[in-house]
């Protein structure tokens, strides 16, 4: 804790495009304070530390040793996550990290063990877990309104490659060794996590990957077909070469159907059809006002968990599950074969 009784937060890198947003969230939480900054890019880190009235530290070890440091936010390139998260866990610091947890499953397993052994509060930023339409879909599945789920089909895409979003400090997003992969690894995390959350353990996957734009030397257009242990089939496509069109999520079952179009006017547009529901229930098109209220942000949940011991919407195991499925999809795409889990 800081001398005035606030939760002391350290910022480990500003490499990620969302890093400033997380730092701003910390600033706006009254019982938190930024006590130090480290960045693998010293010039960037020094500038951010000055902007936030904090001290820049030349090494992350120095930052982790601060007596008033309670927790860290990790926004470094994904390839650095194992080193940084394991060090923070060993130092007993609570951890909030950007996705993906790591590049490889081997690294994810090492991180998982380090977090388990430390007992720190850990959150991975998978914000779909607090979106009302996703929580509504999870409730529909948990209630069994669709019967036995047979298929989930989803797309998530934008124009990052077409408009050359990544350069300078964000260029690492297009470096396979630093980021793990391209569009599917970065943007696909959101839908892969939801699919894994909804459908359970994967059994096998086949995938096709392409570099359509030739803007970055990495996948910018990729699709995967995943079979889950419960026999459901998941289809996901991810793109950085998407200018127009929807990003739908559809779930089919033996007794129902659910669709979500988060990009529709007055979004989200949701349709539920179920043989188990009568007229007047949550049947047909669902208005946003009928959805579950949005829970606190993952950042607020993390701070609350540190202060009160409450649970959070994401855990180290969600991070491990995500990497397992991502690694399998990329292995299938790169090697042109079915990969089993």
Protein backbone atom coordinates (compact mmCIF):
# COMPACT_ATOMS: atom_id res chain seq x y z
CA UNK A 1 0.00 0.00 0.00
CA UNK A 2 1.04 3.60 -0.57
CA UNK A 3 1.58 5.86 2.45
CA UNK A 4 -1.94 7.26 2.00
CA UNK A 5 -3.48 3.78 2.00
CA UNK A 6 -4.01 3.29 -1.73
CA UNK A 7 -3.35 0.13 -3.71
CA UNK A 8 0.04 0.57 -5.33
CA UNK A 9 -0.02 -0.36 -9.04
CA UNK A 10 3.00 -0.79 -11.31
CA UNK A 11 2.72 -0.50 -15.08
CA UNK A 12 4.86 -3.03 -16.94
CA UNK A 13 5.26 -1.66 -20.47
CA UNK A 14 3.13 0.50 -22.74
CA UNK A 15 3.67 -1.70 -25.80
CA UNK A 16 0.04 -2.75 -26.10
CA UNK A 17 -2.44 -0.41 -27.77
CA UNK A 18 -4.72 -0.63 -24.72
CA UNK A 19 -2.00 0.18 -22.17
CA UNK A 20 -2.89 3.85 -21.82
CA UNK A 21 -6.54 2.95 -21.35
CA UNK A 22 -5.69 0.65 -18.45
CA UNK A 23 -3.47 3.29 -16.89
CA UNK A 24 -6.34 5.76 -17.16
CA UNK A 25 -8.65 3.29 -15.44
CA UNK A 26 -6.21 3.02 -12.54
CA UNK A 27 -6.09 6.83 -12.33
CA UNK A 28 -9.87 6.95 -12.10
CA UNK A 29 -10.19 4.36 -9.31
CA UNK A 30 -10.01 6.38 -6.11
CA UNK A 31 -8.28 3.74 -3.97
CA UNK A 32 -5.51 3.01 -6.53
CA UNK A 33 -2.33 4.83 -7.44
CA UNK A 34 0.40 4.28 -10.03
CA UNK A 35 3.65 3.96 -8.06
CA UNK A 36 6.04 3.10 -10.87
CA UNK A 37 6.52 2.37 -14.57
CA UNK A 38 8.86 0.07 -16.44
CA UNK A 39 9.03 -0.32 -20.20
CA UNK A 40 11.36 -2.24 -22.51
CA UNK A 41 11.35 1.01 -24.50
CA UNK A 42 12.92 3.42 -22.00
CA UNK A 43 11.94 6.57 -23.91
CA UNK A 44 8.30 5.53 -24.12
CA UNK A 45 8.23 4.41 -20.50
CA UNK A 46 9.87 7.60 -19.21
CA UNK A 47 7.34 9.73 -21.10
CA UNK A 48 4.41 7.75 -19.71
CA UNK A 49 5.81 7.87 -16.18
CA UNK A 50 6.17 11.64 -16.39
CA UNK A 51 2.65 11.97 -17.79
CA UNK A 52 1.29 10.06 -14.79
CA UNK A 53 3.44 11.57 -12.07
CA UNK A 54 5.22 8.27 -11.41
CA UNK A 55 8.84 7.13 -11.34
CA UNK A 56 10.34 5.29 -14.30
CA UNK A 57 12.47 2.28 -13.39
CA UNK A 58 15.26 1.01 -15.60
CA UNK A 59 14.51 -2.63 -14.72
CA UNK A 60 11.30 -4.43 -13.89
CA UNK A 61 13.10 -6.13 -10.99
CA UNK A 62 13.63 -2.71 -9.43
CA UNK A 63 9.95 -1.91 -9.83
CA UNK A 64 8.83 -5.25 -8.38
CA UNK A 65 10.99 -4.61 -5.30
CA UNK A 66 9.16 -1.40 -4.35
CA UNK A 67 7.71 -1.75 -0.82
CA UNK A 68 4.49 0.07 -1.72
CA UNK A 69 3.86 -1.99 -4.88
CA UNK A 70 0.90 -4.36 -4.55
CA UNK A 71 0.04 -5.24 -8.14
CA UNK A 72 1.11 -4.88 -11.76
CA UNK A 73 -0.53 -4.45 -15.14
CA UNK A 74 1.33 -6.27 -17.94
CA UNK A 75 1.12 -4.70 -21.40
CA UNK A 76 4.40 -5.91 -22.88
CA UNK A 77 4.67 -7.83 -26.17
CA UNK A 78 3.17 -11.28 -25.67
CA UNK A 79 6.54 -13.01 -26.02
CA UNK A 80 7.65 -11.27 -22.80
CA UNK A 81 4.64 -12.35 -20.73
CA UNK A 82 6.17 -15.50 -19.28
CA UNK A 83 9.20 -13.69 -17.93
CA UNK A 84 7.27 -10.74 -16.53
CA UNK A 85 4.27 -12.58 -15.10
CA UNK A 86 6.38 -15.27 -13.46
CA UNK A 87 8.61 -12.60 -11.91
CA UNK A 88 5.61 -10.67 -10.61
CA UNK A 89 4.02 -13.82 -9.20
CA UNK A 90 7.28 -14.79 -7.48
CA UNK A 91 7.39 -11.32 -5.95
CA UNK A 92 3.83 -11.79 -4.65
CA UNK A 93 2.31 -9.04 -6.80
CA UNK A 94 -1.25 -9.32 -8.09
CA UNK A 95 -1.44 -9.42 -11.88
CA UNK A 96 -3.67 -7.97 -14.61
CA UNK A 97 -2.50 -8.82 -18.12
CA UNK A 98 -3.47 -8.23 -21.70
CA UNK A 99 -4.26 -11.25 -23.85
CA UNK A 100 -2.98 -13.61 -25.01
CA UNK A 101 -1.50 -15.08 -21.84
CA UNK A 102 1.60 -16.26 -23.73
CA UNK A 103 2.70 -17.26 -27.22
CA UNK A 104 3.08 -21.00 -26.52
CA UNK A 105 1.28 -23.53 -24.36
CA UNK A 106 4.57 -24.46 -22.72
CA UNK A 107 4.93 -20.87 -21.53
CA UNK A 108 1.26 -20.71 -20.50
CA UNK A 109 1.71 -23.80 -18.34
CA UNK A 110 4.75 -22.27 -16.62
CA UNK A 111 2.80 -19.07 -15.96
CA UNK A 112 -0.19 -21.01 -14.66
CA UNK A 113 1.97 -22.89 -12.16
CA UNK A 114 3.67 -19.67 -11.03
CA UNK A 115 0.32 -17.96 -10.41
CA UNK A 116 -1.08 -21.01 -8.61
CA UNK A 117 1.94 -21.23 -6.32
CA UNK A 118 1.91 -17.51 -5.51
CA UNK A 119 -1.78 -17.21 -4.65
CA UNK A 120 -1.96 -13.74 -6.20
CA UNK A 121 -5.15 -12.36 -7.75
CA UNK A 122 -4.90 -12.77 -11.50
CA UNK A 123 -7.06 -11.39 -14.31
CA UNK A 124 -6.56 -11.66 -18.07
CA UNK A 125 -8.28 -9.01 -20.14
CA UNK A 126 -10.98 -10.82 -22.11
CA UNK A 127 -13.67 -8.12 -22.10
CA UNK A 128 -16.29 -10.19 -23.91
CA UNK A 129 -16.84 -11.87 -20.54
CA UNK A 130 -18.54 -8.73 -19.22
CA UNK A 131 -20.59 -7.84 -22.31
CA UNK A 132 -24.35 -8.11 -21.66
CA UNK A 133 -25.12 -9.91 -24.94
CA UNK A 134 -22.44 -12.55 -24.25
CA UNK A 135 -23.70 -13.02 -20.69
CA UNK A 136 -27.22 -13.41 -22.09
CA UNK A 137 -26.01 -16.09 -24.51
CA UNK A 138 -24.25 -17.93 -21.68
CA UNK A 139 -27.43 -17.86 -19.61
CA UNK A 140 -29.44 -19.25 -22.55
CA UNK A 141 -26.93 -22.11 -22.87
CA UNK A 142 -26.86 -22.79 -19.13
CA UNK A 143 -30.67 -22.93 -19.06
CA UNK A 144 -30.62 -25.47 -21.90
CA UNK A 145 -32.95 -23.40 -24.08
CA UNK A 146 -31.15 -24.49 -27.26
CA UNK A 147 -31.15 -28.17 -26.37
CA UNK A 148 -27.91 -29.93 -27.24
CA UNK A 149 -25.59 -27.44 -28.91
CA UNK A 150 -24.53 -28.69 -32.32
CA UNK A 151 -22.73 -25.74 -33.87
CA UNK A 152 -21.34 -22.28 -33.15
CA UNK A 153 -20.36 -19.98 -35.99
CA UNK A 154 -18.69 -16.61 -35.47
CA UNK A 155 -16.63 -13.92 -37.20
CA UNK A 156 -14.57 -11.05 -35.86
CA UNK A 157 -12.83 -8.72 -38.28
CA UNK A 158 -11.70 -5.18 -39.03
CA UNK A 159 -9.46 -3.30 -41.45
CA UNK A 160 -6.14 -3.24 -39.55
CA UNK A 161 -4.09 -4.48 -42.52
CA UNK A 162 -5.99 -2.49 -45.14
CA UNK A 163 -5.40 0.74 -43.23
CA UNK A 164 -1.92 -0.16 -41.90
CA UNK A 165 -2.79 0.28 -38.23
CA UNK A 166 0.45 -1.09 -36.84
CA UNK A 167 3.73 0.83 -37.01
CA UNK A 168 6.34 2.29 -34.69
CA UNK A 169 5.67 1.18 -31.12
CA UNK A 170 2.82 -1.11 -32.20
CA UNK A 171 4.76 -2.82 -35.02
CA UNK A 172 5.38 -5.83 -32.77
CA UNK A 173 1.74 -6.86 -33.38
CA UNK A 174 2.89 -7.94 -36.85
CA UNK A 175 5.98 -9.83 -35.65
CA UNK A 176 5.09 -13.51 -35.23
CA UNK A 177 7.82 -14.14 -32.66
CA UNK A 178 6.73 -11.20 -30.49
CA UNK A 179 2.95 -11.46 -30.92
CA UNK A 180 2.42 -15.19 -31.53
CA UNK A 181 0.48 -14.64 -34.73
CA UNK A 182 -1.44 -12.05 -36.67
CA UNK A 183 -5.15 -11.38 -37.01
CA UNK A 184 -6.28 -14.71 -35.61
CA UNK A 185 -3.97 -14.52 -32.59
CA UNK A 186 -4.67 -10.89 -31.74
CA UNK A 187 -8.27 -10.25 -32.73
CA UNK A 188 -9.42 -13.86 -32.70
CA UNK A 189 -8.66 -14.14 -28.98
CA UNK A 190 -11.99 -12.55 -28.18
CA UNK A 191 -14.12 -15.07 -30.09
CA UNK A 192 -11.87 -18.06 -29.37
CA UNK A 193 -12.27 -17.39 -25.65
CA UNK A 194 -16.06 -17.14 -25.92
CA UNK A 195 -16.26 -20.30 -28.03
CA UNK A 196 -14.12 -22.23 -25.53
CA UNK A 197 -16.22 -20.85 -22.63
CA UNK A 198 -19.48 -21.84 -24.32
CA UNK A 199 -18.55 -25.22 -25.82
CA UNK A 200 -16.00 -26.69 -23.41
CA UNK A 201 -12.89 -28.73 -24.14
CA UNK A 202 -11.71 -28.96 -27.76
CA UNK A 203 -11.03 -32.32 -29.43
CA UNK A 204 -9.48 -31.36 -32.78
CA UNK A 205 -9.06 -28.52 -35.27
CA UNK A 206 -8.30 -27.88 -38.93
CA UNK A 207 -7.52 -24.40 -40.22
CA UNK A 208 -6.63 -22.30 -43.26
CA UNK A 209 -4.49 -19.19 -42.96
CA UNK A 210 -3.55 -16.56 -45.53
CA UNK A 211 -1.72 -13.28 -45.98
CA UNK A 212 -4.19 -11.57 -48.29
CA UNK A 213 -3.07 -7.93 -48.16
CA UNK A 214 0.70 -8.54 -48.14
CA UNK A 215 0.93 -5.44 -45.92
CA UNK A 216 2.41 -7.34 -42.96
CA UNK A 217 4.36 -10.57 -43.05
CA UNK A 218 1.80 -12.43 -40.94
CA UNK A 219 -1.68 -13.95 -41.21
CA UNK A 220 -4.38 -11.36 -41.90
CA UNK A 221 -7.20 -13.70 -42.96
CA UNK A 222 -7.74 -17.07 -41.26
CA UNK A 223 -10.49 -19.56 -40.50
CA UNK A 224 -10.65 -22.60 -38.21
CA UNK A 225 -13.04 -25.53 -37.83
CA UNK A 226 -12.97 -26.93 -34.30
CA UNK A 227 -14.63 -30.11 -33.03
CA UNK A 228 -15.33 -30.12 -29.30
CA UNK A 229 -15.50 -33.10 -26.96
CA UNK A 230 -19.26 -32.63 -26.60
CA UNK A 231 -19.52 -33.19 -30.41
CA UNK A 232 -20.36 -29.54 -31.15
CA UNK A 233 -18.59 -27.97 -34.11
CA UNK A 234 -17.19 -24.45 -33.92
CA UNK A 235 -16.43 -22.32 -36.98
CA UNK A 236 -14.51 -19.07 -36.58
CA UNK A 237 -13.04 -16.70 -39.12
CA UNK A 238 -10.90 -13.68 -38.33
CA UNK A 239 -9.65 -10.95 -40.62
CA UNK A 240 -7.66 -7.73 -40.76
CA UNK A 241 -8.86 -7.20 -44.36
CA UNK A 242 -12.54 -6.55 -43.57
CA UNK A 243 -13.89 -3.18 -44.66
CA UNK A 244 -17.65 -3.73 -44.46
CA UNK A 245 -20.11 -6.29 -43.19
CA UNK A 246 -21.26 -7.84 -39.91
CA UNK A 247 -19.36 -9.68 -37.20
CA UNK A 248 -22.04 -12.23 -36.23
CA UNK A 249 -22.16 -14.91 -33.58
CA UNK A 250 -24.61 -17.79 -34.10
CA UNK A 251 -25.32 -20.83 -31.95
CA UNK A 252 -27.44 -23.76 -33.15
CA UNK A 253 -28.91 -26.53 -31.00
CA UNK A 254 -31.33 -29.42 -31.24
CA UNK A 255 -34.10 -27.24 -29.80
CA UNK A 256 -33.18 -23.67 -30.59
CA UNK A 257 -31.10 -20.96 -32.21
CA UNK A 258 -29.41 -17.80 -30.94
CA UNK A 259 -27.80 -15.05 -33.00
CA UNK A 260 -25.98 -11.88 -32.00
CA UNK A 261 -25.04 -9.01 -34.29
CA UNK A 262 -23.13 -6.57 -32.11
CA UNK A 263 -22.62 -4.17 -35.01
CA UNK A 264 -26.28 -3.66 -35.89
CA UNK A 265 -27.96 -0.24 -35.52
CA UNK A 266 -29.01 0.27 -31.90
CA UNK A 267 -26.83 -2.80 -31.22
CA UNK A 268 -26.72 -5.47 -30.17
CA UNK A 269 -29.38 -7.20 -32.27
CA UNK A 270 -30.21 -10.60 -30.76
CA UNK A 271 -32.60 -13.29 -31.89
CA UNK A 272 -33.60 -16.29 -29.80
CA UNK A 273 -35.77 -19.15 -31.04
CA UNK A 274 -36.46 -22.06 -28.70
CA UNK A 275 -38.95 -24.89 -28.60
CA UNK A 276 -38.81 -24.65 -24.81
CA UNK A 277 -40.11 -21.09 -24.54
CA UNK A 278 -43.66 -19.82 -24.82
CA UNK A 279 -44.83 -16.58 -26.40
CA UNK A 280 -44.13 -13.73 -24.04
CA UNK A 281 -40.87 -15.21 -22.76
CA UNK A 282 -37.45 -14.12 -24.03
CA UNK A 283 -38.34 -15.30 -27.51
CA UNK A 284 -37.81 -13.66 -30.88
CA UNK A 285 -35.78 -10.44 -31.09
CA UNK A 286 -34.36 -9.27 -27.79
CA UNK A 287 -33.90 -5.57 -27.14
CA UNK A 288 -30.71 -4.35 -25.44
CA UNK A 289 -32.85 -3.18 -22.52
CA UNK A 290 -33.79 -6.81 -21.85
CA UNK A 291 -30.21 -7.98 -21.43
CA UNK A 292 -28.46 -8.63 -18.13
CA UNK A 293 -26.84 -5.51 -16.69
CA UNK A 294 -23.16 -5.14 -17.46
CA UNK A 295 -21.01 -6.16 -14.49
CA UNK A 296 -18.05 -4.03 -13.39
CA UNK A 297 -15.11 -3.90 -15.78
CA UNK A 298 -12.42 -6.54 -15.43
CA UNK A 299 -10.10 -3.88 -13.99
CA UNK A 300 -12.62 -3.00 -11.29
CA UNK A 301 -13.22 -6.70 -10.59
CA UNK A 302 -9.48 -7.22 -10.18
CA UNK A 303 -9.10 -4.35 -7.73
CA UNK A 304 -12.11 -5.58 -5.77
CA UNK A 305 -10.66 -9.10 -5.65
CA UNK A 306 -7.39 -7.75 -4.25
CA UNK A 307 -9.20 -5.69 -1.62
CA UNK A 308 -11.99 -8.08 -0.64
CA UNK A 309 -11.10 -11.55 -1.94
CA UNK A 310 -14.00 -11.59 -4.42
CA UNK A 311 -13.83 -13.62 -7.62
CA UNK A 312 -13.33 -12.29 -11.15
CA UNK A 313 -14.86 -13.13 -14.51
CA UNK A 314 -11.54 -14.39 -15.90
CA UNK A 315 -8.78 -16.49 -14.36
CA UNK A 316 -5.39 -17.98 -15.12
CA UNK A 317 -7.18 -21.09 -16.39
CA UNK A 318 -9.11 -19.07 -18.98
CA UNK A 319 -5.76 -17.73 -20.16
CA UNK A 320 -4.32 -21.25 -20.42
CA UNK A 321 -7.41 -22.53 -22.27
CA UNK A 322 -7.12 -19.69 -24.77
CA UNK A 323 -3.47 -20.42 -25.55
CA UNK A 324 -4.17 -24.15 -25.91
CA UNK A 325 -6.78 -23.50 -28.59
CA UNK A 326 -4.79 -20.77 -30.33
CA UNK A 327 -1.69 -22.95 -30.54
CA UNK A 328 -3.72 -25.81 -31.99
CA UNK A 329 -5.34 -23.57 -34.61
CA UNK A 330 -2.01 -22.16 -35.74
CA UNK A 331 -0.35 -25.56 -35.82
CA UNK A 332 -3.19 -26.83 -38.00
CA UNK A 333 -2.97 -23.81 -40.32
CA UNK A 334 0.81 -23.83 -40.64
CA UNK A 335 1.17 -27.59 -41.11
CA UNK A 336 -1.98 -28.21 -43.16
CA UNK A 337 -3.27 -31.03 -40.98
CA UNK A 338 -5.81 -31.87 -38.29
CA UNK A 339 -4.46 -31.22 -34.81
CA UNK A 340 -5.87 -33.12 -31.83
CA UNK A 341 -5.87 -31.90 -28.24
